[in-house]
Amino acid sequence: MGSLCGEMGKAGASVSYGAVGHFGEGAREGRGFERLSPPKWATRVIYRLGRDPKGWLERKFVSAVRGEDVVWLWPGVSDWVYDAMVAKGVLVVSERINCHRAMAQRILWSEYDRLGLPRAGGYGDGEVSGETRKLMKSRAVFAPSPMVAKSLEEVGIGPERILRSSYGWDPGRIGAGRRQARERGGAVVFVFVGLGCVRKGLHLLLDAWARKRFSAKLRIVGSVTEEIEKLHGETLRRSDVELTGFVPDVGAMMATSDVFVFPSLEEGSPLVTYEAMAVGLPSIVSPMAAGAVVVDGIHGMVIDPHDASGWAAAMERMVASAELREEMGRAAAEHAKGYTWSEVAKRRLGMLRALVGNCAAAV
């Protein structure tokens, strides 16, 4: 969020930005950029005084809105803020980071039922309907991937109101072209990055790994949840599986790997996919994990996350052909150049300007 707003300011927009917690980080101040967010120390003071920093920021934000062209609201903003913006006659645009909660809940509960596990990751009826209500108050909604757009259409958001976009990557965090050449004869390294949980599909990756007939290494970068440990503890303890836990420099882990694997069941447009491509890794991903960026057969392979045989076969193809890995990796790195936050911000700013122009013409 902060990266997008900061880059829009650099691209010529006048941006006022407000967020609480870690979402307030990453915004680059500069021309056209004003930060409304309280600094970390102030947020801590507000908490100690028994006050709600979110409520404080929302009130400050609403009072500060005077004549802006667009108010861009992200998930978590209170319903009353939408009402206040509509009452002021401001053009409201919403952001959907992930799929609509109705789709997310359906996918996750179906998977937990299939696994015979207690349902987790669900929402109350009020939360699902509340999300739809906020989106209906918005003139347009940013969808960072085709799957997010599909989830919006399912709840009645017309395609003409969906701004189909993407997320991106930060060259300062992930240096492009950093992938190190693997020593000839060494094991091919597949890398999974993220919380190892049911939602991210790690159990499905381990299903495929357990049936592989080739020599390779699986590197899991991130914590692994207890439910995954229970389902696949034996596979996780194999000598061809490396568990790194949390690692601050994800780029370094990717740079010493050969193929990015991510069979996520529910996403928006995962940043790790963009980062893997920027490093020059070919991908084997689910449709959700492909986001708005991986093209099947060009930058990697997009496969149904429940197709364990298909995943095993795709990994075997990657192991068997260094040429295929290099070809797809080069294509991925080249494609990723168009998805830095700077480039994404320019495209989004263009979409917002077009929206403002269309709304003005319709009056």
Foldseek 3Di string as FASTA:
>chain_A
DLLLQQLLQVVPEQDEDEDDDPVLPDHDDDHNYHYLYDDPVVCVVCVVVVHDSLVVSLVVVLVPDDPDAEDEEEPPRDPVSLVSCVVNVHAYEYEDFWAQLVVVQVLQQVLCVVVVHPGDPHDDPCVNVVVLVSRVSHQAYEFAFPRNVVSNVVSPDDPVRYDYAHAAAACVQAPFQLADDDDPPDAAEEEEEDEADVQFLNLLVLLLVVPADDGHAYEYEAHYDPVSCVSPVVSCPDPRYHYDHHDSRVNVVLSDHQEYEIAGRIGRADHVLLSSLRNQWAYEYESRPCGHQDDDPQLHHHDNSNPSVVSSVRVVVCRVDPPSGNRNSVRSNVSNVCGHSSNRSVVVVVVSVVVSVVVVVVD
